[in-house]
Amino acid sequence: MEESHKPSTADPEMVTPRLVALREALNLSKGQFADAIGIDRSSYSKIEKSNKPILPPTAERIFSLYGVDMNYIYLGRVDTLPAHLSAKITSRLTSHS
Protein backbone atom coordinates (compact mmCIF):
# COMPACT_ATOMS: atom_id res chain seq x y z
CA MET A 1 0.00 0.00 0.00
CA GLU A 2 1.39 3.36 -1.01
CA GLU A 3 1.55 6.00 1.68
CA SER A 4 0.39 9.46 0.68
CA HIS A 5 2.58 12.41 1.57
CA LYS A 6 0.94 14.74 4.04
CA PRO A 7 2.96 17.88 4.76
CA SER A 8 4.19 18.36 8.30
CA THR A 9 2.71 21.31 10.16
CA ALA A 10 6.29 22.61 10.46
CA ASP A 11 6.87 22.59 6.69
CA PRO A 12 7.53 26.08 5.34
CA GLU A 13 4.34 25.91 3.25
CA MET A 14 2.33 25.36 6.42
CA VAL A 15 4.22 27.93 8.50
CA THR A 16 4.06 30.76 5.94
CA PRO A 17 0.34 31.57 6.30
CA ARG A 18 0.74 31.67 10.08
CA LEU A 19 3.61 34.14 9.87
CA VAL A 20 1.78 36.30 7.35
CA ALA A 21 -1.31 36.34 9.59
CA LEU A 22 0.84 37.32 12.57
CA ARG A 23 2.65 40.06 10.67
CA GLU A 24 -0.61 41.46 9.32
CA ALA A 25 -2.24 41.32 12.76
CA LEU A 26 0.67 43.42 14.03
CA ASN A 27 0.17 45.85 11.11
CA LEU A 28 3.79 45.49 10.03
CA SER A 29 5.28 45.39 6.56
CA LYS A 30 7.56 42.50 5.64
CA GLY A 31 10.57 44.76 6.11
CA GLN A 32 9.42 46.06 9.49
CA PHE A 33 8.76 42.54 10.73
CA ALA A 34 12.13 41.28 9.46
CA ASP A 35 13.92 44.17 11.17
CA ALA A 36 12.03 43.59 14.41
CA ILE A 37 12.88 39.87 14.57
CA GLY A 38 16.48 40.49 13.59
CA ILE A 39 16.81 38.83 10.20
CA ASP A 40 17.65 40.41 6.88
CA ARG A 41 14.74 41.39 4.70
CA SER A 42 15.62 39.09 1.81
CA SER A 43 15.73 36.09 4.15
CA TYR A 44 12.33 36.98 5.55
CA SER A 45 10.95 37.38 2.04
CA LYS A 46 12.13 33.82 1.27
CA ILE A 47 10.41 32.59 4.43
CA GLU A 48 7.12 34.20 3.36
CA LYS A 49 7.48 32.58 -0.06
CA SER A 50 7.97 29.17 1.62
CA ASN A 51 11.46 28.93 0.10
CA LYS A 52 13.22 28.90 3.46
CA PRO A 53 12.25 27.55 6.87
CA ILE A 54 12.02 29.76 9.90
CA LEU A 55 14.69 28.63 12.33
CA PRO A 56 14.06 28.13 16.06
CA PRO A 57 16.22 31.10 17.17
CA THR A 58 14.08 33.39 15.01
CA ALA A 59 10.89 31.80 16.37
CA GLU A 60 12.24 32.43 19.89
CA ARG A 61 12.72 36.13 19.04
CA ILE A 62 9.12 36.28 17.84
CA PHE A 63 8.05 34.86 21.18
CA SER A 64 10.21 37.34 23.09
CA LEU A 65 8.81 40.29 21.16
CA TYR A 66 5.18 39.33 20.66
CA GLY A 67 4.40 36.44 23.00
CA VAL A 68 3.61 34.16 20.05
CA ASP A 69 5.21 30.80 20.73
CA MET A 70 6.47 27.92 18.62
CA ASN A 71 3.23 26.00 19.16
CA TYR A 72 1.52 28.49 16.88
CA ILE A 73 4.39 28.96 14.42
CA TYR A 74 5.29 25.30 13.90
CA LEU A 75 2.14 23.44 14.92
CA GLY A 76 -0.63 25.91 14.13
CA ARG A 77 -2.06 25.92 17.66
CA VAL A 78 -4.11 29.07 17.97
CA ASP A 79 -5.07 28.28 21.58
CA THR A 80 -1.61 29.43 22.67
CA LEU A 81 -1.86 32.89 21.07
CA PRO A 82 -1.85 35.99 23.27
CA ALA A 83 -5.43 37.21 23.81
CA HIS A 84 -4.80 40.59 22.15
CA LEU A 85 -3.67 38.90 18.91
CA SER A 86 -5.82 35.77 18.85
CA ALA A 87 -8.93 37.15 17.11
CA LYS A 88 -6.92 39.17 14.58
CA ILE A 89 -4.73 36.21 13.63
CA THR A 90 -7.59 33.72 13.50
CA SER A 91 -9.58 36.08 11.28
CA ARG A 92 -6.66 36.49 8.89
CA LEU A 93 -6.01 32.74 8.75
CA THR A 94 -9.61 31.98 7.84
CA SER A 95 -9.79 34.77 5.25
CA HIS A 96 -6.60 33.52 3.51
CA SER A 97 -7.85 29.93 3.29
PDB file of N, CA and C in Angstrom:
ATOM      1  N   MET A   1       0.838  -1.173   0.000  1.00  0.00           N
ATOM      2  CA  MET A   1       0.000   0.000   0.000  1.00  0.00           C
ATOM      3  C   MET A   1       0.884   1.238   0.000  1.00  0.00           C
ATOM      4  N   GLU A   2       0.595   2.144  -0.895  1.00  0.00           N
ATOM      5  CA  GLU A   2       1.390   3.359  -1.009  1.00  0.00           C
ATOM      6  C   GLU A   2       0.907   4.394   0.001  1.00  0.00           C
ATOM      7  N   GLU A   3       1.871   4.994   0.672  1.00  0.00           N
ATOM      8  CA  GLU A   3       1.550   6.003   1.680  1.00  0.00           C
ATOM      9  C   GLU A   3       1.534   7.373   1.032  1.00  0.00           C
ATOM     10  N   SER A   4       0.457   8.121   1.254  1.00  0.00           N
ATOM     11  CA  SER A   4       0.393   9.461   0.677  1.00  0.00           C
ATOM     12  C   SER A   4       1.202  10.424   1.527  1.00  0.00           C
ATOM     13  N   HIS A   5       1.758  11.415   0.871  1.00  0.00           N
ATOM     14  CA  HIS A   5       2.577  12.411   1.568  1.00  0.00           C
ATOM     15  C   HIS A   5       1.675  13.511   2.103  1.00  0.00           C
ATOM     16  N   LYS A   6       1.678  13.652   3.406  1.00  0.00           N
ATOM     17  CA  LYS A   6       0.939  14.740   4.035  1.00  0.00           C
ATOM     18  C   LYS A   6       1.984  15.686   4.614  1.00  0.00           C
ATOM     19  N   PRO A   7       1.935  16.965   4.265  1.00  0.00           N
ATOM     20  CA  PRO A   7       2.960  17.881   4.760  1.00  0.00           C
ATOM     21  C   PRO A   7       2.909  18.014   6.282  1.00  0.00           C
ATOM     22  N   SER A   8       4.075  18.117   6.865  1.00  0.00           N
ATOM     23  CA  SER A   8       4.188  18.356   8.298  1.00  0.00           C
ATOM     24  C   SER A   8       3.727  19.780   8.593  1.00  0.00           C
ATOM     25  N   THR A   9       3.153  19.969   9.785  1.00  0.00           N
ATOM     26  CA  THR A   9       2.708  21.312  10.156  1.00  0.00           C
ATOM     27  C   THR A   9       3.881  22.271  10.267  1.00  0.00           C
ATOM     28  N   ALA A  10       5.108  21.758  10.378  1.00  0.00           N
ATOM     29  CA  ALA A  10       6.286  22.610  10.464  1.00  0.00           C
ATOM     30  C   ALA A  10       6.902  22.903   9.098  1.00  0.00           C
ATOM     31  N   ASP A  11       6.371  22.304   8.032  1.00  0.00           N
ATOM     32  CA  ASP A  11       6.875  22.593   6.692  1.00  0.00           C
ATOM     33  C   ASP A  11       6.693  24.077   6.383  1.00  0.00           C
ATOM     34  N   PRO A  12       7.653  24.662   5.676  1.00  0.00           N
ATOM     35  CA  PRO A  12       7.528  26.083   5.345  1.00  0.00           C
ATOM     36  C   PRO A  12       6.190  26.456   4.718  1.00  0.00           C
ATOM     37  N   GLU A  13       5.627  25.595   3.878  1.00  0.00           N
ATOM     38  CA  GLU A  13       4.343  25.913   3.249  1.00  0.00           C
ATOM     39  C   GLU A  13       3.211  25.997   4.262  1.00  0.00           C
ATOM     40  N   MET A  14       3.337  25.302   5.369  1.00  0.00           N
ATOM     41  CA  MET A  14       2.327  25.358   6.423  1.00  0.00           C
ATOM     42  C   MET A  14       2.579  26.540   7.363  1.00  0.00           C
ATOM     43  N   VAL A  15       3.845  26.862   7.576  1.00  0.00           N
ATOM     44  CA  VAL A  15       4.223  27.933   8.502  1.00  0.00           C
ATOM     45  C   VAL A  15       3.958  29.314   7.896  1.00  0.00           C
ATOM     46  N   THR A  16       4.187  29.450   6.603  1.00  0.00           N
ATOM     47  CA  THR A  16       4.058  30.756   5.937  1.00  0.00           C
ATOM     48  C   THR A  16       2.744  31.475   6.221  1.00  0.00           C
ATOM     49  N   PRO A  17       1.579  30.835   6.045  1.00  0.00           N
ATOM     50  CA  PRO A  17       0.338  31.574   6.304  1.00  0.00           C
ATOM     51  C   PRO A  17       0.214  32.037   7.756  1.00  0.00           C
ATOM     52  N   ARG A  18       0.784  31.278   8.668  1.00  0.00           N
ATOM     53  CA  ARG A  18       0.743  31.668  10.082  1.00  0.00           C
ATOM     54  C   ARG A  18       1.584  32.913  10.327  1.00  0.00           C
ATOM     55  N   LEU A  19       2.749  32.962   9.708  1.00  0.00           N
ATOM     56  CA  LEU A  19       3.606  34.139   9.871  1.00  0.00           C
ATOM     57  C   LEU A  19       2.993  35.366   9.205  1.00  0.00           C
ATOM     58  N   VAL A  20       2.421  35.175   8.034  1.00  0.00           N
ATOM     59  CA  VAL A  20       1.778  36.297   7.347  1.00  0.00           C
ATOM     60  C   VAL A  20       0.623  36.825   8.195  1.00  0.00           C
ATOM     61  N   ALA A  21      -0.181  35.924   8.747  1.00  0.00           N
ATOM     62  CA  ALA A  21      -1.311  36.342   9.590  1.00  0.00           C
ATOM     63  C   ALA A  21      -0.822  37.095  10.820  1.00  0.00           C
ATOM     64  N   LEU A  22       0.263  36.638  11.412  1.00  0.00           N
ATOM     65  CA  LEU A  22       0.839  37.323  12.572  1.00  0.00           C
ATOM     66  C   LEU A  22       1.326  38.709  12.179  1.00  0.00           C
ATOM     67  N   ARG A  23       2.094  38.782  11.113  1.00  0.00           N
ATOM     68  CA  ARG A  23       2.646  40.063  10.670  1.00  0.00           C
ATOM     69  C   ARG A  23       1.532  41.052  10.354  1.00  0.00           C
ATOM     70  N   GLU A  24       0.511  40.586   9.660  1.00  0.00           N
ATOM     71  CA  GLU A  24      -0.609  41.463   9.319  1.00  0.00           C
ATOM     72  C   GLU A  24      -1.391  41.886  10.562  1.00  0.00           C
ATOM     73  N   ALA A  25      -1.549  40.980  11.516  1.00  0.00           N
ATOM     74  CA  ALA A  25      -2.240  41.317  12.763  1.00  0.00           C
ATOM     75  C   ALA A  25      -1.482  42.387  13.545  1.00  0.00           C
ATOM     76  N   LEU A  26      -0.173  42.410  13.375  1.00  0.00           N
ATOM     77  CA  LEU A  26       0.667  43.418  14.025  1.00  0.00           C
ATOM     78  C   LEU A  26       0.754  44.707  13.212  1.00  0.00           C
ATOM     79  N   ASN A  27       0.143  44.697  12.028  1.00  0.00           N
ATOM     80  CA  ASN A  27       0.171  45.852  11.112  1.00  0.00           C
ATOM     81  C   ASN A  27       1.597  46.256  10.734  1.00  0.00           C
ATOM     82  N   LEU A  28       2.406  45.246  10.420  1.00  0.00           N
ATOM     83  CA  LEU A  28       3.792  45.486  10.033  1.00  0.00           C
ATOM     84  C   LEU A  28       4.020  45.060   8.587  1.00  0.00           C
ATOM     85  N   SER A  29       4.859  45.803   7.897  1.00  0.00           N
ATOM     86  CA  SER A  29       5.279  45.393   6.557  1.00  0.00           C
ATOM     87  C   SER A  29       6.265  44.240   6.712  1.00  0.00           C
ATOM     88  N   LYS A  30       6.566  43.576   5.601  1.00  0.00           N
ATOM     89  CA  LYS A  30       7.564  42.502   5.643  1.00  0.00           C
ATOM     90  C   LYS A  30       8.895  43.025   6.168  1.00  0.00           C
ATOM     91  N   GLY A  31       9.299  44.182   5.688  1.00  0.00           N
ATOM     92  CA  GLY A  31      10.575  44.763   6.105  1.00  0.00           C
ATOM     93  C   GLY A  31      10.590  45.116   7.586  1.00  0.00           C
ATOM     94  N   GLN A  32       9.504  45.703   8.068  1.00  0.00           N
ATOM     95  CA  GLN A  32       9.424  46.064   9.485  1.00  0.00           C
ATOM     96  C   GLN A  32       9.480  44.821  10.368  1.00  0.00           C
ATOM     97  N   PHE A  33       8.769  43.779   9.951  1.00  0.00           N
ATOM     98  CA  PHE A  33       8.758  42.544  10.733  1.00  0.00           C
ATOM     99  C   PHE A  33      10.146  41.904  10.728  1.00  0.00           C
ATOM    100  N   ALA A  34      10.780  41.850   9.559  1.00  0.00           N
ATOM    101  CA  ALA A  34      12.126  41.282   9.459  1.00  0.00           C
ATOM    102  C   ALA A  34      13.096  42.037  10.361  1.00  0.00           C
ATOM    103  N   ASP A  35      13.039  43.360  10.315  1.00  0.00           N
ATOM    104  CA  ASP A  35      13.918  44.169  11.166  1.00  0.00           C
ATOM    105  C   ASP A  35      13.658  43.888  12.644  1.00  0.00           C
ATOM    106  N   ALA A  36      12.389  43.797  13.012  1.00  0.00           N
ATOM    107  CA  ALA A  36      12.034  43.585  14.415  1.00  0.00           C
ATOM    108  C   ALA A  36      12.534  42.244  14.932  1.00  0.00           C
ATOM    109  N   ILE A  37      12.455  41.200  14.101  1.00  0.00           N
ATOM    110  CA  ILE A  37      12.876  39.871  14.570  1.00  0.00           C
ATOM    111  C   ILE A  37      14.352  39.588  14.293  1.00  0.00           C
ATOM    112  N   GLY A  38      15.028  40.568  13.718  1.00  0.00           N
ATOM    113  CA  GLY A  38      16.477  40.487  13.587  1.00  0.00           C
ATOM    114  C   GLY A  38      17.011  39.623  12.472  1.00  0.00           C
ATOM    115  N   ILE A  39      16.266  39.541  11.367  1.00  0.00           N
ATOM    116  CA  ILE A  39      16.809  38.834  10.200  1.00  0.00           C
ATOM    117  C   ILE A  39      16.769  39.776   9.006  1.00  0.00           C
ATOM    118  N   ASP A  40      17.625  39.497   8.022  1.00  0.00           N
ATOM    119  CA  ASP A  40      17.649  40.405   6.881  1.00  0.00           C
ATOM    120  C   ASP A  40      16.368  40.251   6.066  1.00  0.00           C
ATOM    121  N   ARG A  41      16.021  41.315   5.401  1.00  0.00           N
ATOM    122  CA  ARG A  41      14.743  41.388   4.698  1.00  0.00           C
ATOM    123  C   ARG A  41      14.619  40.346   3.590  1.00  0.00           C
ATOM    124  N   SER A  42      15.706  40.080   2.889  1.00  0.00           N
ATOM    125  CA  SER A  42      15.621  39.088   1.809  1.00  0.00           C
ATOM    126  C   SER A  42      15.383  37.687   2.375  1.00  0.00           C
ATOM    127  N   SER A  43      15.976  37.390   3.509  1.00  0.00           N
ATOM    128  CA  SER A  43      15.728  36.093   4.150  1.00  0.00           C
ATOM    129  C   SER A  43      14.271  35.964   4.561  1.00  0.00           C
ATOM    130  N   TYR A  44      13.724  37.048   5.141  1.00  0.00           N
ATOM    131  CA  TYR A  44      12.328  36.978   5.551  1.00  0.00           C
ATOM    132  C   TYR A  44      11.414  36.834   4.334  1.00  0.00           C
ATOM    133  N   SER A  45      11.738  37.501   3.260  1.00  0.00           N
ATOM    134  CA  SER A  45      10.949  37.376   2.044  1.00  0.00           C
ATOM    135  C   SER A  45      10.923  35.922   1.570  1.00  0.00           C
ATOM    136  N   LYS A  46      12.063  35.240   1.652  1.00  0.00           N
ATOM    137  CA  LYS A  46      12.132  33.820   1.274  1.00  0.00           C
ATOM    138  C   LYS A  46      11.283  32.967   2.200  1.00  0.00           C
ATOM    139  N   ILE A  47      11.246  33.324   3.476  1.00  0.00           N
ATOM    140  CA  ILE A  47      10.412  32.594   4.431  1.00  0.00           C
ATOM    141  C   ILE A  47       8.947  32.751   4.053  1.00  0.00           C
ATOM    142  N   GLU A  48       8.526  33.969   3.727  1.00  0.00           N
ATOM    143  CA  GLU A  48       7.122  34.202   3.363  1.00  0.00           C
ATOM    144  C   GLU A  48       6.757  33.583   2.017  1.00  0.00           C
ATOM    145  N   LYS A  49       7.743  33.268   1.203  1.00  0.00           N
ATOM    146  CA  LYS A  49       7.478  32.582  -0.064  1.00  0.00           C
ATOM    147  C   LYS A  49       7.597  31.065   0.086  1.00  0.00           C
ATOM    148  N   SER A  50       7.807  30.607   1.310  1.00  0.00           N
ATOM    149  CA  SER A  50       7.974  29.173   1.624  1.00  0.00           C
ATOM    150  C   SER A  50       9.221  28.576   1.001  1.00  0.00           C
ATOM    151  N   ASN A  51      10.206  29.412   0.683  1.00  0.00           N
ATOM    152  CA  ASN A  51      11.458  28.931   0.103  1.00  0.00           C
ATOM    153  C   ASN A  51      12.525  28.666   1.155  1.00  0.00           C
ATOM    154  N   LYS A  52      12.236  29.042   2.384  1.00  0.00           N
ATOM    155  CA  LYS A  52      13.217  28.905   3.456  1.00  0.00           C
ATOM    156  C   LYS A  52      12.455  28.681   4.763  1.00  0.00           C
ATOM    157  N   PRO A  53      12.935  27.757   5.594  1.00  0.00           N
ATOM    158  CA  PRO A  53      12.247  27.546   6.871  1.00  0.00           C
ATOM    159  C   PRO A  53      12.592  28.645   7.874  1.00  0.00           C
ATOM    160  N   ILE A  54      11.703  28.846   8.811  1.00  0.00           N
ATOM    161  CA  ILE A  54      12.022  29.760   9.901  1.00  0.00           C
ATOM    162  C   ILE A  54      12.729  28.931  10.970  1.00  0.00           C
ATOM    163  N   LEU A  55      13.886  29.388  11.386  1.00  0.00           N
ATOM    164  CA  LEU A  55      14.694  28.634  12.334  1.00  0.00           C
ATOM    165  C   LEU A  55      14.267  28.920  13.773  1.00  0.00           C
ATOM    166  N   PRO A  56      14.468  27.946  14.663  1.00  0.00           N
ATOM    167  CA  PRO A  56      14.061  28.127  16.062  1.00  0.00           C
ATOM    168  C   PRO A  56      14.570  29.404  16.739  1.00  0.00           C
ATOM    169  N   PRO A  57      15.820  29.845  16.523  1.00  0.00           N
ATOM    170  CA  PRO A  57      16.222  31.097  17.173  1.00  0.00           C
ATOM    171  C   PRO A  57      15.368  32.296  16.746  1.00  0.00           C
ATOM    172  N   THR A  58      14.938  32.312  15.486  1.00  0.00           N
ATOM    173  CA  THR A  58      14.075  33.389  15.014  1.00  0.00           C
ATOM    174  C   THR A  58      12.693  33.253  15.634  1.00  0.00           C
ATOM    175  N   ALA A  59      12.182  32.033  15.724  1.00  0.00           N
ATOM    176  CA  ALA A  59      10.886  31.802  16.374  1.00  0.00           C
ATOM    177  C   ALA A  59      10.945  32.222  17.837  1.00  0.00           C
ATOM    178  N   GLU A  60      12.072  32.003  18.485  1.00  0.00           N
ATOM    179  CA  GLU A  60      12.238  32.427  19.886  1.00  0.00           C
ATOM    180  C   GLU A  60      12.202  33.951  19.997  1.00  0.00           C
ATOM    181  N   ARG A  61      12.779  34.653  19.022  1.00  0.00           N
ATOM    182  CA  ARG A  61      12.720  36.129  19.039  1.00  0.00           C
ATOM    183  C   ARG A  61      11.281  36.612  18.861  1.00  0.00           C
ATOM    184  N   ILE A  62      10.523  35.925  18.016  1.00  0.00           N
ATOM    185  CA  ILE A  62       9.115  36.277  17.836  1.00  0.00           C
ATOM    186  C   ILE A  62       8.380  36.125  19.168  1.00  0.00           C
ATOM    187  N   PHE A  63       8.673  35.055  19.874  1.00  0.00           N
ATOM    188  CA  PHE A  63       8.046  34.856  21.182  1.00  0.00           C
ATOM    189  C   PHE A  63       8.453  35.962  22.152  1.00  0.00           C
ATOM    190  N   SER A  64       9.735  36.288  22.178  1.00  0.00           N
ATOM    191  CA  SER A  64      10.210  37.335  23.092  1.00  0.00           C
ATOM    192  C   SER A  64       9.561  38.683  22.809  1.00  0.00           C
ATOM    193  N   LEU A  65       9.380  38.992  21.536  1.00  0.00           N
ATOM    194  CA  LEU A  65       8.811  40.290  21.155  1.00  0.00           C
ATOM    195  C   LEU A  65       7.288  40.350  21.259  1.00  0.00           C
ATOM    196  N   TYR A  66       6.622  39.268  20.839  1.00  0.00           N
ATOM    197  CA  TYR A  66       5.180  39.334  20.658  1.00  0.00           C
ATOM    198  C   TYR A  66       4.388  38.321  21.493  1.00  0.00           C
ATOM    199  N   GLY A  67       5.086  37.432  22.179  1.00  0.00           N
ATOM    200  CA  GLY A  67       4.400  36.438  23.002  1.00  0.00           C
ATOM    201  C   GLY A  67       3.765  35.314  22.198  1.00  0.00           C
ATOM    202  N   VAL A  68       4.131  35.209  20.930  1.00  0.00           N
ATOM    203  CA  VAL A  68       3.608  34.159  20.055  1.00  0.00           C
ATOM    204  C   VAL A  68       4.637  33.036  20.039  1.00  0.00           C
ATOM    205  N   ASP A  69       4.232  31.876  20.543  1.00  0.00           N
ATOM    206  CA  ASP A  69       5.208  30.800  20.728  1.00  0.00           C
ATOM    207  C   ASP A  69       5.306  29.839  19.543  1.00  0.00           C
ATOM    208  N   MET A  70       6.212  28.891  19.683  1.00  0.00           N
ATOM    209  CA  MET A  70       6.469  27.924  18.618  1.00  0.00           C
ATOM    210  C   MET A  70       5.287  27.000  18.376  1.00  0.00           C
ATOM    211  N   ASN A  71       4.421  26.826  19.372  1.00  0.00           N
ATOM    212  CA  ASN A  71       3.233  25.995  19.161  1.00  0.00           C
ATOM    213  C   ASN A  71       2.368  26.563  18.044  1.00  0.00           C
ATOM    214  N   TYR A  72       2.273  27.866  17.975  1.00  0.00           N
ATOM    215  CA  TYR A  72       1.519  28.492  16.885  1.00  0.00           C
ATOM    216  C   TYR A  72       2.325  28.433  15.584  1.00  0.00           C
ATOM    217  N   ILE A  73       3.573  28.864  15.640  1.00  0.00           N
ATOM    218  CA  ILE A  73       4.391  28.963  14.419  1.00  0.00           C
ATOM    219  C   ILE A  73       4.555  27.612  13.742  1.00  0.00           C
ATOM    220  N   TYR A  74       4.973  26.598  14.499  1.00  0.00           N
ATOM    221  CA  TYR A  74       5.293  25.303  13.899  1.00  0.00           C
ATOM    222  C   TYR A  74       4.122  24.323  13.869  1.00  0.00           C
ATOM    223  N   LEU A  75       3.209  24.422  14.827  1.00  0.00           N
ATOM    224  CA  LEU A  75       2.135  23.442  14.923  1.00  0.00           C
ATOM    225  C   LEU A  75       0.757  23.990  14.564  1.00  0.00           C
ATOM    226  N   GLY A  76       0.643  25.312  14.480  1.00  0.00           N
ATOM    227  CA  GLY A  76      -0.630  25.913  14.130  1.00  0.00           C
ATOM    228  C   GLY A  76      -1.627  25.993  15.271  1.00  0.00           C
ATOM    229  N   ARG A  77      -1.156  25.868  16.496  1.00  0.00           N
ATOM    230  CA  ARG A  77      -2.057  25.916  17.656  1.00  0.00           C
ATOM    231  C   ARG A  77      -2.427  27.361  17.967  1.00  0.00           C
ATOM    232  N   VAL A  78      -3.660  27.709  17.701  1.00  0.00           N
ATOM    233  CA  VAL A  78      -4.112  29.071  17.971  1.00  0.00           C
ATOM    234  C   VAL A  78      -4.510  29.262  19.428  1.00  0.00           C
ATOM    235  N   ASP A  79      -4.690  28.167  20.173  1.00  0.00           N
ATOM    236  CA  ASP A  79      -5.068  28.283  21.579  1.00  0.00           C
ATOM    237  C   ASP A  79      -3.939  28.828  22.447  1.00  0.00           C
ATOM    238  N   THR A  80      -2.747  28.909  21.904  1.00  0.00           N
ATOM    239  CA  THR A  80      -1.607  29.429  22.668  1.00  0.00           C
ATOM    240  C   THR A  80      -1.311  30.897  22.356  1.00  0.00           C
ATOM    241  N   LEU A  81      -2.097  31.492  21.457  1.00  0.00           N
ATOM    242  CA  LEU A  81      -1.863  32.889  21.066  1.00  0.00           C
ATOM    243  C   LEU A  81      -2.216  33.851  22.198  1.00  0.00           C
ATOM    244  N   PRO A  82      -1.475  34.954  22.295  1.00  0.00           N
ATOM    245  CA  PRO A  82      -1.854  35.989  23.265  1.00  0.00           C
ATOM    246  C   PRO A  82      -3.256  36.509  22.945  1.00  0.00           C
ATOM    247  N   ALA A  83      -4.025  36.797  23.970  1.00  0.00           N
ATOM    248  CA  ALA A  83      -5.425  37.212  23.806  1.00  0.00           C
ATOM    249  C   ALA A  83      -5.570  38.412  22.868  1.00  0.00           C
ATOM    250  N   HIS A  84      -4.657  39.378  22.969  1.00  0.00           N
ATOM    251  CA  HIS A  84      -4.795  40.588  22.154  1.00  0.00           C
ATOM    252  C   HIS A  84      -4.535  40.354  20.665  1.00  0.00           C
ATOM    253  N   LEU A  85      -3.942  39.215  20.317  1.00  0.00           N
ATOM    254  CA  LEU A  85      -3.670  38.905  18.907  1.00  0.00           C
ATOM    255  C   LEU A  85      -4.538  37.776  18.371  1.00  0.00           C
ATOM    256  N   SER A  86      -5.118  36.982  19.243  1.00  0.00           N
ATOM    257  CA  SER A  86      -5.824  35.770  18.847  1.00  0.00           C
ATOM    258  C   SER A  86      -6.904  36.001  17.801  1.00  0.00           C
ATOM    259  N   ALA A  87      -7.830  36.911  18.052  1.00  0.00           N
ATOM    260  CA  ALA A  87      -8.932  37.146  17.113  1.00  0.00           C
ATOM    261  C   ALA A  87      -8.426  37.684  15.778  1.00  0.00           C
ATOM    262  N   LYS A  88      -7.458  38.599  15.821  1.00  0.00           N
ATOM    263  CA  LYS A  88      -6.924  39.166  14.576  1.00  0.00           C
ATOM    264  C   LYS A  88      -6.261  38.088  13.718  1.00  0.00           C
ATOM    265  N   ILE A  89      -5.452  37.262  14.368  1.00  0.00           N
ATOM    266  CA  ILE A  89      -4.733  36.213  13.633  1.00  0.00           C
ATOM    267  C   ILE A  89      -5.703  35.172  13.095  1.00  0.00           C
ATOM    268  N   THR A  90      -6.623  34.727  13.924  1.00  0.00           N
ATOM    269  CA  THR A  90      -7.591  33.723  13.497  1.00  0.00           C
ATOM    270  C   THR A  90      -8.411  34.229  12.323  1.00  0.00           C
ATOM    271  N   SER A  91      -8.818  35.481  12.366  1.00  0.00           N
ATOM    272  CA  SER A  91      -9.581  36.078  11.276  1.00  0.00           C
ATOM    273  C   SER A  91      -8.772  36.084   9.987  1.00  0.00           C
ATOM    274  N   ARG A  92      -7.503  36.440  10.084  1.00  0.00           N
ATOM    275  CA  ARG A  92      -6.656  36.487   8.887  1.00  0.00           C
ATOM    276  C   ARG A  92      -6.408  35.084   8.336  1.00  0.00           C
ATOM    277  N   LEU A  93      -6.239  34.115   9.214  1.00  0.00           N
ATOM    278  CA  LEU A  93      -6.008  32.739   8.746  1.00  0.00           C
ATOM    279  C   LEU A  93      -7.222  32.206   8.003  1.00  0.00           C
ATOM    280  N   THR A  94      -8.413  32.490   8.498  1.00  0.00           N
ATOM    281  CA  THR A  94      -9.613  31.982   7.841  1.00  0.00           C
ATOM    282  C   THR A  94      -9.905  32.736   6.541  1.00  0.00           C
ATOM    283  N   SER A  95      -9.534  34.016   6.480  1.00  0.00           N
ATOM    284  CA  SER A  95      -9.791  34.773   5.248  1.00  0.00           C
ATOM    285  C   SER A  95      -8.792  34.435   4.152  1.00  0.00           C
ATOM    286  N   HIS A  96      -7.625  33.897   4.509  1.00  0.00           N
ATOM    287  CA  HIS A  96      -6.605  33.517   3.512  1.00  0.00           C
ATOM    288  C   HIS A  96      -6.778  32.102   3.034  1.00  0.00           C
ATOM    289  N   SER A  97      -7.671  31.353   3.667  1.00  0.00           N
ATOM    290  CA  SER A  97      -7.853  29.931   3.294  1.00  0.00           C
ATOM    291  C   SER A  97      -8.558  29.787   1.973  1.00  0.00           C
TER     292      SER A  97
END
